Amino acid sequence: MKVILRKKVPSLGKAGDLIKVNDGYARNYLIPKGLAIEADKKNIKDFEHKKINILKKAQKEHKNAEELAAAIGNITLTFSRKVGDQDKIFGSVTNKDIEEALKEKGYNIDRKMIILDEHIKSMGEFKAKIKLSAGVETELKIIVTGE
């Protein structure tokens, strides 16, 4: 099935590309998620008119993601937890904790965008990656201290 991409899909192409994919992939994933539309004659004509706007919108979203990445890259989050033996904390610092701390600072980041290399279960300094959009990532500094 031929589809026209409405947004950038890393494994397929960028917004506005006309590509051929398996029928099931198009019907079950790309079209329902709004990533693509079926490429029939009517949609191709309509899309030619909308293509310029979609490319501008994608470029604007990418620029906004880069600006947000620059702002978040300068943030340091500090968490205070109860400490047991060998500087191990009770529980851990999770994606949800990081999401809530960022919301308190005014950044609306979904916890699914936050990538931790390892579970934070001890005191110290850690890094968390935040994937804002395709090709835009930043690192956030996290400090865990004892109460």
Foldseek 3Di string as FASTA:
>chain_A
DWKAFLAADPVFGGHGDIDDDDPCCCVPPCVVVVGIDHDDPVCVVVCVVCRVVSVVVNVVLVVVLQVVQVVQQPAEAEAEFAADPPQWGDDFCALVNVQVRVVVVPDRADSVQKAAPDTGGGFDKGWIWGHRDVPRIHIHIYGYHYD
